[in-house]
């Protein structure tokens, strides 16, 4: 039944009730049927008239405005203000999208680490948080090392022999020994570790037990055995770059003797002092090319196949000296030598490699002492350079 019909029924019911409660009208008060019908029609029309309502369609909501979620490990999505779409944005450097937010990466995922000597930490699987997972006790379980408790096994500074030629020095945390090789850079000595944890160097015995050979030792090559009698120059090679080896006096039936003539000279250039700044080239005047291996107190350098310049240096004061070699187009290395020795006779004190186009060498020098500064090219390289020397003179 429609609303209009229902409304009409309600109006009729009310009229009937009202009529039944009133006394019968007199003949003079009788109302024509047409008048009643007209009144009912007007009242019904007023009651059922409804206003027009405008209906507006809205977009469907897909998310809560301002809500966030991770699209991937590097992308964060944020719900738009109207809730109708998601807006994507990239997480920044060293961050990851997790738990609906871009969080900074603090550690290596699923890795353990230490917070001081007593706390063991664990990094979560996204690398965004650390939590303590254990405690180390120096008196029982030891100290934290690399994310676990390591027992203390030695006293700080204690030494021992880790093998025949390696000294072990107790680490600062007492959890083990760090190895230091016994190597004096001299091929004519046998380096070993004593039980007390100290290095020793014993002179190498080069006697091969062959009376027909001359036995010697080269500090770079080690033992050298040369035939005492020779037929050809090649049999006299002593493996020394600074000697001219020849066989002298050999005949068709009688062997000759080997002669080893020293050929190397440093070609030392005039002395320079603190504060000097000079330019040169390793393939210009004053160059020599004989040293391919430098045996220095701070290590041995091989493969120096280029020409070298040797510059004498006499400091005016005692203290720290810094020499800076700049050679942007070449790989030139710098060596500080004892000026009282021949260049090839293990004269090198310290060195600096110029792998990046610049070599900086720092050493303590004594006023009035003669030193040599050697500039040598690695792997046949050579070229121009500048050398600056500064000292801590007052």
Protein backbone atom coordinates (compact mmCIF):
# COMPACT_ATOMS: atom_id res chain seq x y z
CA UNK A 1 0.00 0.00 0.00
CA UNK A 2 1.38 3.40 -0.98
CA UNK A 3 2.02 6.21 1.54
CA UNK A 4 -0.69 8.34 -0.02
CA UNK A 5 -3.32 5.64 0.47
CA UNK A 6 -2.22 5.11 4.06
CA UNK A 7 -2.47 8.81 4.72
CA UNK A 8 -5.98 8.91 3.28
CA UNK A 9 -7.03 6.04 5.49
CA UNK A 10 -5.72 7.80 8.55
CA UNK A 11 -7.62 10.99 7.69
CA UNK A 12 -10.87 9.08 7.15
CA UNK A 13 -10.42 7.22 10.41
CA UNK A 14 -9.97 10.47 12.30
CA UNK A 15 -13.04 11.97 10.64
CA UNK A 16 -15.19 8.97 11.51
CA UNK A 17 -14.09 9.08 15.15
CA UNK A 18 -14.84 12.79 15.32
CA UNK A 19 -18.22 12.25 13.76
CA UNK A 20 -19.17 9.47 16.14
CA UNK A 21 -18.38 11.67 19.16
CA UNK A 22 -20.62 14.53 18.04
CA UNK A 23 -24.40 14.61 18.30
CA UNK A 24 -26.38 14.29 15.06
CA UNK A 25 -26.57 17.60 13.30
CA UNK A 26 -29.75 19.38 12.87
CA UNK A 27 -31.33 19.70 9.49
CA UNK A 28 -30.28 23.34 9.44
CA UNK A 29 -26.61 22.41 10.04
CA UNK A 30 -26.42 19.72 7.39
CA UNK A 31 -23.34 20.01 5.13
CA UNK A 32 -23.52 18.99 1.48
CA UNK A 33 -21.54 15.88 0.49
CA UNK A 34 -19.69 17.81 -2.21
CA UNK A 35 -18.32 20.26 0.37
CA UNK A 36 -16.97 17.43 2.52
CA UNK A 37 -15.28 15.86 -0.48
CA UNK A 38 -13.69 19.16 -1.45
CA UNK A 39 -12.36 19.72 2.10
CA UNK A 40 -10.89 16.20 2.28
CA UNK A 41 -9.14 16.60 -1.07
CA UNK A 42 -7.47 19.89 -0.05
CA UNK A 43 -6.32 18.50 3.34
CA UNK A 44 -4.94 15.33 1.78
CA UNK A 45 -3.02 17.27 -0.85
CA UNK A 46 -1.39 19.45 1.85
CA UNK A 47 -0.41 16.42 3.97
CA UNK A 48 1.19 14.36 1.19
CA UNK A 49 3.13 17.12 -0.58
CA UNK A 50 6.97 16.23 -0.21
CA UNK A 51 9.92 18.54 -0.98
CA UNK A 52 12.39 17.66 -3.76
CA UNK A 53 15.77 16.21 -2.41
CA UNK A 54 19.00 16.50 -4.48
CA UNK A 55 21.07 13.23 -4.59
CA UNK A 56 24.89 13.59 -5.07
CA UNK A 57 27.08 10.56 -5.94
CA UNK A 58 30.53 10.37 -4.06
CA UNK A 59 33.72 8.39 -4.95
CA UNK A 60 34.21 5.12 -3.13
CA UNK A 61 36.68 5.28 -0.17
CA UNK A 62 39.68 2.90 -0.40
CA UNK A 63 41.69 3.94 2.70
CA UNK A 64 41.70 6.11 5.78
CA UNK A 65 43.11 9.60 5.04
CA UNK A 66 46.65 9.91 6.38
CA UNK A 67 47.12 6.14 6.84
CA UNK A 68 50.47 4.65 5.70
CA UNK A 69 51.63 1.25 4.46
CA UNK A 70 54.76 -0.19 2.86
CA UNK A 71 54.57 -0.98 -0.86
CA UNK A 72 58.09 -2.46 -0.73
CA UNK A 73 61.26 -2.22 1.31
CA UNK A 74 62.03 1.14 -0.32
CA UNK A 75 58.59 2.65 -0.99
CA UNK A 76 56.01 4.09 1.46
CA UNK A 77 52.34 4.65 0.48
CA UNK A 78 50.23 7.36 2.19
CA UNK A 79 46.41 7.58 1.88
CA UNK A 80 45.24 10.78 0.19
CA UNK A 81 43.15 13.38 2.04
CA UNK A 82 39.94 12.24 0.31
CA UNK A 83 40.61 8.57 1.07
CA UNK A 84 40.20 7.70 -2.59
CA UNK A 85 43.80 6.79 -3.50
CA UNK A 86 47.32 5.98 -2.28
CA UNK A 87 50.30 8.30 -2.84
CA UNK A 88 53.72 6.59 -3.17
CA UNK A 89 57.05 8.08 -2.00
CA UNK A 90 60.58 6.65 -1.86
CA UNK A 91 62.33 6.12 1.46
CA UNK A 92 65.56 8.09 1.90
CA UNK A 93 69.20 6.95 1.90
CA UNK A 94 70.05 4.30 4.51
CA UNK A 95 66.38 3.80 5.40
CA UNK A 96 63.95 0.93 4.88
CA UNK A 97 60.16 0.73 4.80
CA UNK A 98 58.90 -1.43 7.64
CA UNK A 99 56.01 -1.26 10.13
CA UNK A 100 54.25 1.28 7.86
CA UNK A 101 57.11 3.82 8.08
CA UNK A 102 60.54 4.65 6.62
CA UNK A 103 62.99 3.87 9.42
CA UNK A 104 66.78 4.43 9.52
CA UNK A 105 69.02 1.36 9.12
CA UNK A 106 71.08 1.18 12.31
CA UNK A 107 72.86 -2.16 11.99
CA UNK A 108 73.41 -5.28 9.89
CA UNK A 109 70.22 -7.38 9.88
CA UNK A 110 70.32 -10.53 12.02
CA UNK A 111 73.89 -9.75 13.17
CA UNK A 112 75.23 -9.67 16.70
CA UNK A 113 77.49 -6.92 18.03
CA UNK A 114 78.85 -5.52 21.28
CA UNK A 115 78.00 -2.49 23.35
CA UNK A 116 81.11 -2.17 25.48
CA UNK A 117 82.84 -5.18 26.99
CA UNK A 118 79.76 -6.63 28.71
CA UNK A 119 76.65 -6.28 26.50
CA UNK A 120 75.76 -8.54 23.57
CA UNK A 121 73.34 -6.95 21.10
CA UNK A 122 71.23 -8.41 18.29
CA UNK A 123 70.03 -6.51 15.22
CA UNK A 124 66.49 -7.26 14.02
CA UNK A 125 65.80 -8.66 10.55
CA UNK A 126 65.28 -5.20 9.03
CA UNK A 127 68.33 -3.56 10.59
CA UNK A 128 66.23 -0.87 12.29
CA UNK A 129 66.58 -1.80 15.95
CA UNK A 130 69.04 -3.29 18.43
CA UNK A 131 68.20 -5.22 21.52
CA UNK A 132 70.37 -6.70 24.25
CA UNK A 133 70.43 -10.49 24.17
CA UNK A 134 73.19 -11.30 26.62
CA UNK A 135 75.66 -10.10 29.24
CA UNK A 136 79.35 -10.99 29.51
CA UNK A 137 81.13 -11.30 32.85
CA UNK A 138 84.94 -10.89 32.75
CA UNK A 139 85.25 -13.17 35.78
CA UNK A 140 83.42 -16.08 34.14
CA UNK A 141 82.24 -15.78 30.53
CA UNK A 142 84.77 -13.13 29.46
CA UNK A 143 84.21 -9.96 27.45
CA UNK A 144 82.11 -9.22 24.39
CA UNK A 145 83.98 -9.65 21.12
CA UNK A 146 82.26 -9.64 17.69
CA UNK A 147 78.84 -10.22 19.22
CA UNK A 148 79.68 -13.05 21.61
CA UNK A 149 81.34 -13.58 24.98
CA UNK A 150 85.00 -14.53 24.58
CA UNK A 151 87.03 -15.82 27.53
CA UNK A 152 90.06 -13.86 28.73
CA UNK A 153 93.15 -15.97 28.00
CA UNK A 154 96.11 -13.60 28.46
CA UNK A 155 97.31 -10.46 30.18
CA UNK A 156 97.59 -7.22 28.23
CA UNK A 157 101.13 -6.91 26.80
CA UNK A 158 101.96 -10.59 27.30
CA UNK A 159 103.97 -12.16 24.45
CA UNK A 160 104.34 -15.69 23.15
CA UNK A 161 105.42 -17.52 19.99
CA UNK A 162 102.47 -18.33 17.76
CA UNK A 163 104.71 -20.30 15.40
CA UNK A 164 108.42 -20.58 14.56
CA UNK A 165 108.62 -17.03 13.15
CA UNK A 166 105.62 -15.17 14.58
CA UNK A 167 105.40 -13.33 17.90
CA UNK A 168 101.97 -13.18 19.49
CA UNK A 169 101.11 -10.08 21.52
CA UNK A 170 98.09 -10.19 23.84
CA UNK A 171 95.23 -8.05 22.56
CA UNK A 172 93.98 -5.06 24.52
CA UNK A 173 90.87 -6.99 25.62
CA UNK A 174 92.87 -10.06 26.70
CA UNK A 175 90.88 -12.45 24.49
CA UNK A 176 93.79 -13.70 22.38
CA UNK A 177 97.07 -12.92 20.68
CA UNK A 178 97.72 -10.80 17.59
CA UNK A 179 100.52 -12.11 15.39
CA UNK A 180 103.56 -10.08 14.37
CA UNK A 181 105.92 -11.71 11.85
CA UNK A 182 109.63 -11.87 12.66
CA UNK A 183 111.11 -10.39 9.50
CA UNK A 184 114.08 -8.01 9.43
CA UNK A 185 113.94 -7.66 5.63
CA UNK A 186 117.36 -9.29 5.24
CA UNK A 187 117.48 -12.44 3.13
CA UNK A 188 120.84 -13.29 4.73
CA UNK A 189 119.35 -13.94 8.16
CA UNK A 190 117.05 -16.61 9.54
CA UNK A 191 114.26 -15.00 11.54
CA UNK A 192 112.72 -16.91 14.42
CA UNK A 193 110.62 -16.48 17.54
CA UNK A 194 112.06 -17.44 20.91
CA UNK A 195 109.91 -18.93 23.66
CA UNK A 196 109.96 -15.62 25.52
CA UNK A 197 108.09 -14.04 22.63
CA UNK A 198 110.93 -12.12 21.01
CA UNK A 199 112.37 -12.24 17.49
CA UNK A 200 115.91 -13.35 16.73
CA UNK A 201 117.93 -13.15 13.49
CA UNK A 202 120.65 -15.74 12.83
CA UNK A 203 123.14 -15.26 9.99
CA UNK A 204 122.39 -17.61 7.12
CA UNK A 205 125.05 -20.19 6.33
CA UNK A 206 125.50 -20.18 2.55
CA UNK A 207 128.18 -22.86 2.35
CA UNK A 208 126.95 -25.39 -0.20
CA UNK A 209 129.80 -27.82 0.48
CA UNK A 210 131.05 -27.52 -3.10
CA UNK A 211 134.72 -26.51 -3.29
CA UNK A 212 134.26 -25.39 -6.90
CA UNK A 213 131.85 -22.58 -6.01
CA UNK A 214 132.25 -19.24 -4.34
CA UNK A 215 129.48 -18.85 -1.77
CA UNK A 216 128.11 -15.46 -0.77
CA UNK A 217 124.87 -13.88 0.35
CA UNK A 218 122.84 -11.15 -1.28
CA UNK A 219 120.60 -9.33 1.18
CA UNK A 220 117.77 -9.35 -1.32
CA UNK A 221 118.30 -12.66 -3.12
CA UNK A 222 119.83 -14.70 -0.29
CA UNK A 223 122.60 -17.25 -0.89
CA UNK A 224 124.53 -17.01 -4.17
CA UNK A 225 126.84 -19.78 -5.43
CA UNK A 226 129.21 -18.92 -8.27
CA UNK A 227 131.58 -21.31 -9.98
CA UNK A 228 135.16 -20.50 -9.04
CA UNK A 229 136.22 -21.40 -12.53
CA UNK A 230 134.35 -20.11 -15.53
CA UNK A 231 134.13 -20.47 -19.28
CA UNK A 232 131.50 -17.81 -20.01
CA UNK A 233 130.45 -14.50 -18.47
CA UNK A 234 126.98 -15.93 -17.78
CA UNK A 235 128.42 -18.44 -15.32
CA UNK A 236 129.70 -15.54 -13.20
CA UNK A 237 126.35 -13.91 -12.59
CA UNK A 238 126.17 -13.02 -8.87
CA UNK A 239 122.56 -11.78 -9.16
CA UNK A 240 123.65 -8.29 -8.12
CA UNK A 241 122.32 -5.52 -10.37
CA UNK A 242 125.22 -3.30 -9.38
CA UNK A 243 128.07 -5.50 -10.63
CA UNK A 244 129.43 -6.22 -14.06
CA UNK A 245 130.14 -9.96 -14.07
CA UNK A 246 132.76 -11.27 -16.49
CA UNK A 247 134.84 -14.41 -16.94
CA UNK A 248 138.51 -13.50 -17.16
CA UNK A 249 141.40 -15.69 -18.41
CA UNK A 250 139.46 -18.61 -19.81
CA UNK A 251 141.07 -20.56 -22.64
CA UNK A 252 139.98 -23.54 -24.65
CA UNK A 253 141.36 -25.89 -22.01
CA UNK A 254 141.78 -23.80 -18.84
CA UNK A 255 138.85 -22.18 -17.01
CA UNK A 256 139.04 -18.54 -16.13
CA UNK A 257 138.07 -16.66 -12.97
CA UNK A 258 135.03 -14.55 -12.36
CA UNK A 259 135.40 -10.82 -11.94
CA UNK A 260 132.67 -8.69 -10.35
CA UNK A 261 133.14 -4.99 -11.00
CA UNK A 262 131.03 -2.50 -9.09
CA UNK A 263 129.11 -0.37 -11.57
CA UNK A 264 126.41 1.37 -9.57
CA UNK A 265 126.77 4.93 -8.42
CA UNK A 266 124.13 7.06 -6.78
CA UNK A 267 124.79 10.09 -9.00
CA UNK A 268 123.94 12.21 -5.98
CA UNK A 269 122.73 15.70 -6.89
CA UNK A 270 123.78 18.80 -4.86
CA UNK A 271 122.53 19.10 -1.28
CA UNK A 272 119.25 20.77 -0.42
CA UNK A 273 118.03 21.95 3.00
CA UNK A 274 114.81 22.39 4.95
CA UNK A 275 112.28 24.56 3.18
CA UNK A 276 113.54 23.61 -0.27
CA UNK A 277 111.16 23.26 -3.19
CA UNK A 278 112.50 21.92 -6.46
CA UNK A 279 111.33 20.47 -9.74
CA UNK A 280 112.90 17.72 -11.80
CA UNK A 281 112.41 14.73 -14.05
CA UNK A 282 113.58 11.18 -13.45
CA UNK A 283 114.66 10.81 -17.08
CA UNK A 284 116.80 13.96 -17.19
CA UNK A 285 120.40 14.68 -16.18
CA UNK A 286 121.60 13.03 -13.01
CA UNK A 287 119.41 9.97 -13.45
CA UNK A 288 120.61 6.44 -13.00
CA UNK A 289 118.84 3.14 -13.43
CA UNK A 290 120.23 0.33 -11.36
CA UNK A 291 118.11 -0.28 -8.27
CA UNK A 292 114.99 -2.36 -8.77
CA UNK A 293 114.56 -3.39 -5.12
CA UNK A 294 114.80 -1.13 -2.08
CA UNK A 295 115.36 -2.84 1.27
CA UNK A 296 114.06 -0.30 3.81
CA UNK A 297 113.74 -0.47 7.57
CA UNK A 298 109.97 -0.10 7.21
CA UNK A 299 109.61 -2.72 4.46
CA UNK A 300 110.96 -3.93 1.12
CA UNK A 301 109.79 -2.36 -2.17
CA UNK A 302 110.20 -4.29 -5.42
CA UNK A 303 109.47 -3.56 -9.07
CA UNK A 304 111.20 -0.15 -9.13
CA UNK A 305 112.25 -0.52 -12.78
CA UNK A 306 112.31 3.17 -13.69
CA UNK A 307 115.08 5.76 -13.51
CA UNK A 308 115.90 7.30 -10.14
CA UNK A 309 117.04 10.72 -8.96
CA UNK A 310 119.09 10.88 -5.75
CA UNK A 311 119.18 14.26 -3.99
CA UNK A 312 121.43 14.91 -1.00
CA UNK A 313 119.68 16.43 2.01
CA UNK A 314 121.31 17.96 5.10
CA UNK A 315 118.81 19.23 7.71
CA UNK A 316 119.60 22.36 9.73
CA UNK A 317 117.73 21.22 12.82
CA UNK A 318 116.81 18.05 14.67
CA UNK A 319 113.18 16.90 14.62
CA UNK A 320 110.41 15.89 12.25
CA UNK A 321 110.93 16.35 8.51
CA UNK A 322 108.20 16.01 5.88
CA UNK A 323 109.01 15.53 2.20
CA UNK A 324 106.16 15.70 -0.30
CA UNK A 325 106.68 14.33 -3.80
CA UNK A 326 104.08 15.30 -6.40
CA UNK A 327 104.04 13.57 -9.79
CA UNK A 328 100.46 13.53 -11.15
CA UNK A 329 101.42 11.91 -14.47
CA UNK A 330 103.71 9.18 -13.12
CA UNK A 331 103.94 6.57 -10.36
CA UNK A 332 107.04 7.84 -8.54
CA UNK A 333 108.03 6.66 -5.05
CA UNK A 334 110.16 8.42 -2.43
CA UNK A 335 112.93 6.91 -0.28
CA UNK A 336 114.97 8.46 2.57
CA UNK A 337 118.49 6.98 2.64
CA UNK A 338 121.42 6.97 5.03
CA UNK A 339 123.82 9.27 3.19
CA UNK A 340 126.89 7.55 4.63
CA UNK A 341 126.12 4.32 2.74
CA UNK A 342 125.99 3.40 -0.91
CA UNK A 343 122.46 3.53 -2.28
CA UNK A 344 122.28 -0.22 -2.87
CA UNK A 345 123.75 -1.25 0.50
CA UNK A 346 120.49 -1.38 2.49
CA UNK A 347 120.73 2.36 2.98
CA UNK A 348 116.97 2.97 2.92
CA UNK A 349 115.46 4.17 6.21
CA UNK A 350 111.80 4.85 5.31
CA UNK A 351 109.77 5.11 2.13
CA UNK A 352 106.45 6.42 0.75
CA UNK A 353 104.60 5.15 -2.32
CA UNK A 354 103.09 7.58 -4.81
CA UNK A 355 100.23 5.42 -6.08
CA UNK A 356 97.86 8.41 -6.18
CA UNK A 357 100.27 10.84 -7.82
CA UNK A 358 101.66 12.05 -4.50
CA UNK A 359 103.96 10.52 -1.89
CA UNK A 360 104.41 12.04 1.57
CA UNK A 361 107.30 10.86 3.71
CA UNK A 362 107.76 11.83 7.39
CA UNK A 363 110.83 10.99 9.49
CA UNK A 364 112.85 12.25 12.43
CA UNK A 365 116.20 13.66 11.25
CA UNK A 366 119.33 14.95 12.99
CA UNK A 367 120.85 18.36 12.28
CA UNK A 368 123.99 18.22 10.14
CA UNK A 369 123.56 14.53 9.22
CA UNK A 370 123.88 13.60 5.56
CA UNK A 371 120.83 11.94 4.04
CA UNK A 372 119.82 11.13 0.49
CA UNK A 373 116.31 11.44 -0.94
CA UNK A 374 115.80 8.98 -3.80
CA UNK A 375 112.95 9.31 -6.29
CA UNK A 376 112.34 6.12 -8.26
CA UNK A 377 109.77 5.03 -10.84
CA UNK A 378 107.63 1.94 -10.41
CA UNK A 379 107.30 -0.49 -13.36
CA UNK A 380 109.41 1.52 -15.82
CA UNK A 381 107.50 4.74 -15.19
CA UNK A 382 109.17 8.14 -15.03
CA UNK A 383 108.45 11.80 -15.56
CA UNK A 384 108.41 15.24 -14.02
CA UNK A 385 107.94 15.92 -10.33
CA UNK A 386 108.10 18.57 -7.61
CA UNK A 387 109.64 17.97 -4.19
CA UNK A 388 108.81 20.06 -1.11
CA UNK A 389 110.70 19.68 2.15
CA UNK A 390 109.60 21.14 5.47
CA UNK A 391 111.14 20.74 8.91
CA UNK A 392 110.03 21.57 12.43
CA UNK A 393 112.82 24.11 12.89
CA UNK A 394 112.02 27.04 15.18
